[in-house]
Protein backbone atom coordinates (compact mmCIF):
# COMPACT_ATOMS: atom_id res chain seq x y z
CA MET A 1 79.67 82.82 51.25
CA THR A 2 83.01 84.60 51.70
CA ARG A 3 81.21 87.88 52.54
CA LEU A 4 79.44 86.38 55.56
CA PRO A 5 82.59 86.05 57.75
CA LEU A 6 83.64 89.60 56.81
CA ILE A 7 80.24 91.00 57.75
CA ALA A 8 80.28 89.04 61.04
CA ALA A 9 83.78 90.33 61.86
CA ALA A 10 82.73 93.91 61.10
CA ALA A 11 79.67 93.53 63.34
CA LEU A 12 81.83 92.21 66.19
CA LEU A 13 84.29 95.10 65.86
CA ALA A 14 81.45 97.60 65.84
CA ALA A 15 79.96 96.05 68.98
CA ALA A 16 83.29 95.87 70.85
CA PRO A 17 83.87 98.63 73.41
CA ALA A 18 86.44 101.25 72.45
CA LEU A 19 89.73 100.90 74.29
CA ALA A 20 90.40 103.80 76.62
CA GLU A 21 93.48 105.92 76.07
CA PRO A 22 95.52 107.59 78.80
CA VAL A 23 94.36 111.14 79.52
CA THR A 24 96.85 113.97 80.08
CA TYR A 25 96.86 115.64 83.49
CA GLU A 26 99.21 118.58 84.12
CA VAL A 27 100.88 118.75 87.53
CA ASP A 28 99.55 121.52 89.78
CA ALA A 29 102.86 123.05 90.86
CA SER A 30 101.21 124.72 93.85
CA HIS A 31 100.18 121.31 95.22
CA ALA A 32 103.17 119.15 94.33
CA GLN A 33 105.69 118.55 97.10
CA THR A 34 108.35 116.03 97.98
CA LEU A 35 109.52 115.75 101.57
CA PHE A 36 112.73 113.97 102.48
CA SER A 37 114.27 113.03 105.80
CA TYR A 38 117.47 111.45 107.06
CA ASN A 39 119.18 110.63 110.33
CA HIS A 40 121.76 113.18 111.47
CA LEU A 41 124.54 111.55 113.49
CA GLY A 42 121.98 109.56 115.47
CA TYR A 43 120.81 112.70 117.26
CA SER A 44 117.92 113.90 115.10
CA THR A 45 115.86 113.43 111.98
CA THR A 46 116.39 116.30 109.57
CA PHE A 47 113.78 117.24 106.96
CA GLY A 48 113.79 119.02 103.64
CA MET A 49 111.43 119.64 100.75
CA PHE A 50 111.22 120.12 97.02
CA SER A 51 108.12 122.09 96.06
CA GLY A 52 106.69 123.17 92.72
CA TRP A 53 107.07 120.10 90.51
CA GLU A 54 106.04 120.43 86.87
CA GLY A 55 105.19 117.84 84.27
CA GLU A 56 102.49 115.43 83.18
CA ILE A 57 100.70 112.32 84.32
CA GLN A 58 99.18 110.23 81.56
CA PHE A 59 96.38 108.48 83.48
CA ASP A 60 94.38 105.53 82.17
CA ALA A 61 91.47 105.02 84.56
CA GLU A 62 90.44 101.77 82.84
CA ASP A 63 93.94 100.29 82.89
CA PRO A 64 96.12 102.14 85.45
CA ALA A 65 99.15 100.03 84.46
CA ASN A 66 98.99 101.86 81.11
CA SER A 67 99.57 105.21 82.85
CA SER A 68 102.84 107.14 83.03
CA VAL A 69 104.55 109.98 84.89
CA ASP A 70 107.13 112.55 83.76
CA VAL A 71 107.87 115.31 86.30
CA SER A 72 110.82 117.60 87.02
CA ILE A 73 111.94 120.45 89.25
CA PRO A 74 115.12 122.54 89.59
CA ALA A 75 117.43 121.21 92.32
CA SER A 76 117.67 124.82 93.47
CA ALA A 77 114.00 124.55 94.57
CA MET A 78 115.14 122.48 97.57
CA PHE A 79 114.39 123.99 100.98
CA THR A 80 115.54 122.68 104.38
CA GLY A 81 114.81 125.71 106.56
CA TRP A 82 118.49 126.47 107.13
CA GLU A 83 120.24 128.60 104.51
CA GLN A 84 123.73 127.16 105.13
CA ARG A 85 122.38 123.59 104.81
CA ASP A 86 120.64 124.47 101.55
CA ALA A 87 123.93 125.83 100.20
CA HIS A 88 125.84 122.74 101.36
CA PHE A 89 123.30 120.33 99.83
CA SER A 90 123.58 122.26 96.54
CA SER A 91 127.39 121.90 96.58
CA PRO A 92 129.43 119.13 94.88
CA ASP A 93 129.37 117.24 98.23
CA PHE A 94 125.72 116.43 97.49
CA LEU A 95 123.57 117.53 94.53
CA ASP A 96 126.07 119.74 92.70
CA ALA A 97 123.07 121.86 91.71
CA THR A 98 125.10 124.39 89.72
CA ALA A 99 126.20 121.68 87.28
CA ASN A 100 123.05 119.52 87.54
CA ASP A 101 120.03 121.67 88.26
CA VAL A 102 117.33 119.22 87.15
CA VAL A 103 115.68 116.62 89.37
CA ARG A 104 113.46 114.42 87.20
CA PHE A 105 111.35 111.28 87.56
CA VAL A 106 110.17 109.37 84.49
CA SER A 107 108.14 106.22 85.04
CA THR A 108 109.11 103.04 83.20
CA GLY A 109 106.40 100.71 84.51
CA ILE A 110 103.41 100.49 86.83
CA GLU A 111 102.32 97.42 88.78
CA VAL A 112 98.78 97.75 90.13
CA THR A 113 98.67 96.31 93.67
CA GLY A 114 95.14 97.18 94.80
CA GLU A 115 92.01 99.13 94.00
CA ASP A 116 93.84 102.46 94.38
CA THR A 117 97.48 101.43 94.95
CA ALA A 118 100.40 100.70 92.67
CA LEU A 119 104.17 100.36 92.54
CA ILE A 120 105.53 102.91 90.07
CA THR A 121 109.01 102.07 88.80
CA GLY A 122 110.96 104.84 87.15
CA ASP A 123 114.23 106.61 86.52
CA LEU A 124 115.13 109.29 89.05
CA THR A 125 117.78 111.78 87.98
CA LEU A 126 119.36 113.57 90.93
CA GLY A 127 122.70 115.38 90.93
CA GLY A 128 123.27 114.35 87.33
CA VAL A 129 122.99 110.63 88.16
CA THR A 130 120.07 108.46 87.07
CA ASN A 131 118.96 105.37 89.00
CA GLU A 132 115.84 103.26 89.13
CA VAL A 133 113.51 103.80 92.09
CA VAL A 134 110.13 102.32 93.01
CA LEU A 135 107.37 104.54 94.40
CA ASP A 136 104.72 102.92 96.59
CA ALA A 137 101.78 105.04 95.37
CA ARG A 138 98.16 105.59 96.33
CA LEU A 139 95.47 107.37 94.31
CA ASN A 140 93.86 109.59 96.95
CA GLN A 141 91.05 110.92 94.81
CA GLN A 142 89.90 111.29 91.23
CA GLY A 143 87.05 113.62 90.33
CA GLU A 144 86.00 117.15 89.51
CA HIS A 145 87.97 119.87 91.26
CA PRO A 146 85.48 121.88 93.36
CA GLN A 147 86.98 125.25 92.37
CA SER A 148 88.11 124.87 88.76
CA GLY A 149 85.57 122.26 87.69
CA ALA A 150 88.37 120.41 85.86
CA PRO A 151 88.95 116.66 86.11
CA TRP A 152 91.55 116.22 88.87
CA LEU A 153 93.81 113.56 90.43
CA GLY A 154 95.68 113.39 93.72
CA PHE A 155 98.41 110.90 94.65
CA ASP A 156 100.71 110.17 97.59
CA ALA A 157 103.80 107.99 97.31
CA THR A 158 106.78 106.90 99.38
CA THR A 159 110.19 105.42 98.69
CA THR A 160 113.64 105.13 100.22
CA ILE A 161 116.75 106.06 98.26
CA LEU A 162 120.45 105.66 99.00
CA ARG A 163 122.08 109.01 98.39
CA SER A 164 125.43 107.33 97.74
CA GLU A 165 123.88 105.84 94.58
CA PHE A 166 123.47 109.41 93.32
CA ASP A 167 127.06 110.48 94.13
CA ALA A 168 125.73 112.38 97.16
CA GLY A 169 127.09 110.13 99.90
CA ALA A 170 129.23 112.62 101.82
CA PHE A 171 129.59 111.82 105.54
CA ALA A 172 127.82 108.44 105.30
CA PRO A 173 127.23 106.42 107.38
CA PHE A 174 127.35 109.05 110.16
CA VAL A 175 124.75 111.04 108.29
CA SER A 176 122.46 108.27 107.06
CA ASP A 177 122.86 107.07 103.51
CA GLU A 178 119.15 106.16 103.50
CA VAL A 179 116.80 109.02 102.72
CA GLU A 180 113.07 108.57 103.28
CA VAL A 181 110.99 110.27 100.59
CA THR A 182 107.29 111.20 100.62
CA VAL A 183 105.56 112.65 97.57
CA SER A 184 102.15 114.33 97.41
CA ILE A 185 101.01 115.61 94.05
CA GLU A 186 97.87 116.91 92.35
CA ALA A 187 97.28 117.16 88.64
CA GLY A 188 94.40 118.41 86.48
CA GLN A 189 93.29 118.14 82.90
CA PRO A 190 94.26 121.23 80.91
CA GLN A 191 91.33 123.55 80.23
CA ALA A 192 90.75 124.89 76.72
């Protein structure tokens, strides 16, 4: 009689669907950009970009909240279109890129908000300072890349940061403390 419950439990486990595991996607550095903008003295909106992110997305299609992100880029990869501004932003007034040349985002939690949307909370390290930020993210597409044939993902996300929280608050509030950030990133499964 004691074997019957064990056999029944084994049959139930065998019939249960296997739990999906997150799948590794490597960031496509050629299609991974972050745009930022801020108000300059009330006269204009100034833009800049970080391009060429590297890292991984662990994506669980069955349970997106079980996914994670770990990406980084050298602060020196920043581009604003004006050489003197790039140099100033890399100075100790802002990012202090010589001493702190890594910009990194590591997710700490994901809250699914819709069929293809989520709030991704994580630690952003900028200028040697780490603070929590929340990305309002959208999965643009998941499927087979038409050129490589590899499984592929594409995301967009937005957030607003206060640069003063990253010891980069020079000239605030005349130059806005708030910086609007837009991220667009693609990632593919590594090919053997």
